[in-house]
């Protein structure tokens, strides 16, 4: 159990710009398969790609930071 889990419904009725931004990314980029991991998320993190696995419904990119 995480802090605030008992009040989870209240979170749906509050404004949090991070949640809104993540929601926009999810519905506008991830679901329609337009997400480019090089331009969002890992773009400012130094990492190396270990491997890329093509799965049935998705592509798994394993990294090390």
N, C-alpha and C. Protein backbone atom coordinates (compact mmCIF):
# COMPACT_ATOMS: atom_id res chain seq x y z
N UNK A 1 0.84 -1.18 0.00
CA UNK A 1 0.00 0.00 0.00
C UNK A 1 0.89 1.24 0.00
N UNK A 2 0.51 2.23 -0.79
CA UNK A 2 1.25 3.48 -0.89
C UNK A 2 0.53 4.60 -0.16
N UNK A 3 1.27 5.62 0.20
CA UNK A 3 0.67 6.77 0.85
C UNK A 3 -0.38 7.39 -0.07
N UNK A 4 -1.56 7.65 0.46
CA UNK A 4 -2.62 8.26 -0.34
C UNK A 4 -3.50 7.27 -1.08
N UNK A 5 -3.20 5.98 -1.01
CA UNK A 5 -4.01 4.99 -1.72
C UNK A 5 -5.46 4.97 -1.25
N UNK A 6 -5.68 5.26 0.01
CA UNK A 6 -7.05 5.23 0.52
C UNK A 6 -7.88 6.39 0.00
N UNK A 7 -7.25 7.44 -0.49
CA UNK A 7 -7.95 8.60 -1.03
C UNK A 7 -7.77 8.71 -2.53
N UNK A 8 -7.64 7.59 -3.22
CA UNK A 8 -7.31 7.59 -4.64
C UNK A 8 -8.38 8.30 -5.47
N UNK A 9 -9.65 8.18 -5.10
CA UNK A 9 -10.73 8.81 -5.87
C UNK A 9 -10.58 10.32 -5.84
N UNK A 10 -10.13 10.89 -4.73
CA UNK A 10 -9.95 12.33 -4.63
C UNK A 10 -8.93 12.85 -5.63
N UNK A 11 -7.96 12.02 -5.98
CA UNK A 11 -6.92 12.44 -6.92
C UNK A 11 -7.49 12.68 -8.32
N UNK A 12 -8.58 12.01 -8.66
CA UNK A 12 -9.20 12.20 -9.96
C UNK A 12 -9.89 13.56 -10.08
N UNK A 13 -10.20 14.16 -8.95
CA UNK A 13 -10.90 15.43 -8.94
C UNK A 13 -9.99 16.60 -8.60
N UNK A 14 -8.69 16.37 -8.60
CA UNK A 14 -7.74 17.45 -8.31
C UNK A 14 -6.91 17.73 -9.55
N UNK A 15 -6.30 18.90 -9.58
CA UNK A 15 -5.47 19.29 -10.73
C UNK A 15 -4.00 19.03 -10.42
N UNK A 16 -3.36 18.30 -11.27
CA UNK A 16 -1.93 18.03 -11.15
C UNK A 16 -1.36 18.08 -12.57
N UNK A 17 -0.54 19.10 -12.88
CA UNK A 17 -0.04 19.23 -14.25
C UNK A 17 0.78 18.03 -14.72
N UNK A 18 1.47 17.34 -13.80
CA UNK A 18 2.24 16.16 -14.19
C UNK A 18 1.32 15.04 -14.65
N UNK A 19 0.21 14.86 -13.94
CA UNK A 19 -0.74 13.82 -14.33
C UNK A 19 -1.35 14.16 -15.69
N UNK A 20 -1.69 15.43 -15.89
CA UNK A 20 -2.25 15.83 -17.17
C UNK A 20 -1.26 15.62 -18.31
N UNK A 21 0.00 15.97 -18.08
CA UNK A 21 1.01 15.78 -19.12
C UNK A 21 1.21 14.30 -19.43
N UNK A 22 1.28 13.47 -18.39
CA UNK A 22 1.43 12.03 -18.61
C UNK A 22 0.23 11.45 -19.34
N UNK A 23 -0.96 11.94 -19.00
CA UNK A 23 -2.17 11.48 -19.67
C UNK A 23 -2.14 11.85 -21.15
N UNK A 24 -1.73 13.08 -21.45
CA UNK A 24 -1.62 13.50 -22.85
C UNK A 24 -0.63 12.63 -23.62
N UNK A 25 0.52 12.37 -23.01
CA UNK A 25 1.53 11.52 -23.66
C UNK A 25 0.95 10.14 -23.92
N UNK A 26 0.28 9.57 -22.91
CA UNK A 26 -0.27 8.22 -23.04
C UNK A 26 -1.30 8.14 -24.16
N UNK A 27 -2.28 9.05 -24.15
CA UNK A 27 -3.38 8.95 -25.11
C UNK A 27 -3.02 9.47 -26.50
N UNK A 28 -2.08 10.40 -26.60
CA UNK A 28 -1.76 11.01 -27.89
C UNK A 28 -0.52 10.41 -28.54
N UNK A 29 0.35 9.79 -27.75
CA UNK A 29 1.60 9.27 -28.30
C UNK A 29 1.74 7.75 -28.16
N UNK A 30 1.45 7.23 -26.98
CA UNK A 30 1.68 5.80 -26.74
C UNK A 30 0.61 4.95 -27.41
N UNK A 31 -0.66 5.25 -27.16
CA UNK A 31 -1.73 4.42 -27.74
C UNK A 31 -1.69 4.41 -29.26
N UNK A 32 -1.55 5.56 -29.93
CA UNK A 32 -1.48 5.51 -31.40
C UNK A 32 -0.10 5.12 -31.94
N UNK A 33 0.80 4.70 -31.05
CA UNK A 33 2.14 4.22 -31.43
C UNK A 33 2.98 5.30 -32.11
N UNK A 34 2.91 6.52 -31.61
CA UNK A 34 3.69 7.63 -32.15
C UNK A 34 4.86 8.01 -31.25
N UNK A 35 5.03 7.29 -30.14
CA UNK A 35 6.07 7.64 -29.17
C UNK A 35 7.45 7.32 -29.71
N UNK A 36 8.33 8.28 -29.63
CA UNK A 36 9.73 8.08 -29.99
C UNK A 36 10.53 8.24 -28.70
N UNK A 37 11.05 7.13 -28.17
CA UNK A 37 11.75 7.19 -26.89
C UNK A 37 12.98 8.08 -26.93
N UNK A 38 13.46 8.43 -28.13
CA UNK A 38 14.62 9.30 -28.22
C UNK A 38 14.26 10.77 -28.02
N UNK A 39 12.97 11.10 -28.19
CA UNK A 39 12.56 12.49 -28.05
C UNK A 39 11.81 12.77 -26.76
N UNK A 40 11.43 11.75 -26.03
CA UNK A 40 10.69 11.97 -24.78
C UNK A 40 11.15 10.95 -23.75
N UNK A 41 11.24 11.38 -22.52
CA UNK A 41 11.56 10.46 -21.44
C UNK A 41 13.04 10.28 -21.22
N UNK A 42 13.68 9.56 -22.09
CA UNK A 42 15.10 9.24 -21.91
C UNK A 42 16.03 10.21 -22.63
N UNK A 43 15.49 11.28 -23.17
CA UNK A 43 16.29 12.17 -23.99
C UNK A 43 17.36 12.93 -23.20
N UNK A 44 17.16 13.13 -21.91
CA UNK A 44 18.14 13.88 -21.12
C UNK A 44 18.93 12.97 -20.18
N UNK A 45 18.70 11.68 -20.26
CA UNK A 45 19.37 10.72 -19.39
C UNK A 45 20.48 10.03 -20.19
N UNK A 46 21.63 9.89 -19.58
CA UNK A 46 22.71 9.17 -20.25
C UNK A 46 22.48 7.67 -20.04
N UNK A 47 22.38 6.93 -21.13
CA UNK A 47 22.08 5.51 -21.05
C UNK A 47 22.68 4.79 -22.24
N UNK A 48 22.74 3.47 -22.13
CA UNK A 48 23.14 2.60 -23.23
C UNK A 48 22.06 1.56 -23.44
N UNK A 49 21.77 1.25 -24.68
CA UNK A 49 20.77 0.22 -24.99
C UNK A 49 21.44 -1.14 -24.86
N UNK A 50 20.86 -2.00 -24.00
CA UNK A 50 21.35 -3.37 -23.86
C UNK A 50 20.87 -4.23 -25.01
N UNK A 51 19.57 -4.18 -25.27
CA UNK A 51 19.01 -4.89 -26.41
C UNK A 51 17.60 -4.39 -26.68
N UNK A 52 17.10 -4.76 -27.83
CA UNK A 52 15.74 -4.42 -28.24
C UNK A 52 15.06 -5.73 -28.59
N UNK A 53 13.93 -5.99 -27.92
CA UNK A 53 13.19 -7.23 -28.16
C UNK A 53 11.85 -6.90 -28.79
N UNK A 54 11.59 -7.48 -29.93
CA UNK A 54 10.30 -7.27 -30.60
C UNK A 54 9.32 -8.30 -30.08
N UNK A 55 8.33 -7.81 -29.34
CA UNK A 55 7.28 -8.66 -28.79
C UNK A 55 6.07 -8.60 -29.69
N UNK A 56 5.07 -9.42 -29.39
CA UNK A 56 3.88 -9.49 -30.23
C UNK A 56 3.15 -8.16 -30.33
N UNK A 57 2.98 -7.47 -29.21
CA UNK A 57 2.20 -6.24 -29.18
C UNK A 57 3.04 -4.99 -28.90
N UNK A 58 4.34 -5.15 -28.68
CA UNK A 58 5.16 -4.00 -28.31
C UNK A 58 6.64 -4.30 -28.55
N UNK A 59 7.44 -3.28 -28.42
CA UNK A 59 8.89 -3.42 -28.53
C UNK A 59 9.48 -3.09 -27.15
N UNK A 60 10.30 -3.99 -26.64
CA UNK A 60 10.93 -3.81 -25.33
C UNK A 60 12.38 -3.35 -25.54
N UNK A 61 12.70 -2.17 -25.03
CA UNK A 61 14.05 -1.64 -25.14
C UNK A 61 14.66 -1.68 -23.74
N UNK A 62 15.67 -2.52 -23.56
CA UNK A 62 16.31 -2.63 -22.25
C UNK A 62 17.53 -1.71 -22.25
N UNK A 63 17.64 -0.91 -21.18
CA UNK A 63 18.72 0.07 -21.07
C UNK A 63 19.47 -0.11 -19.76
N UNK A 64 20.64 0.53 -19.70
CA UNK A 64 21.39 0.63 -18.46
C UNK A 64 21.80 2.09 -18.33
N UNK A 65 21.66 2.65 -17.11
CA UNK A 65 22.02 4.04 -16.88
C UNK A 65 23.33 4.13 -16.13
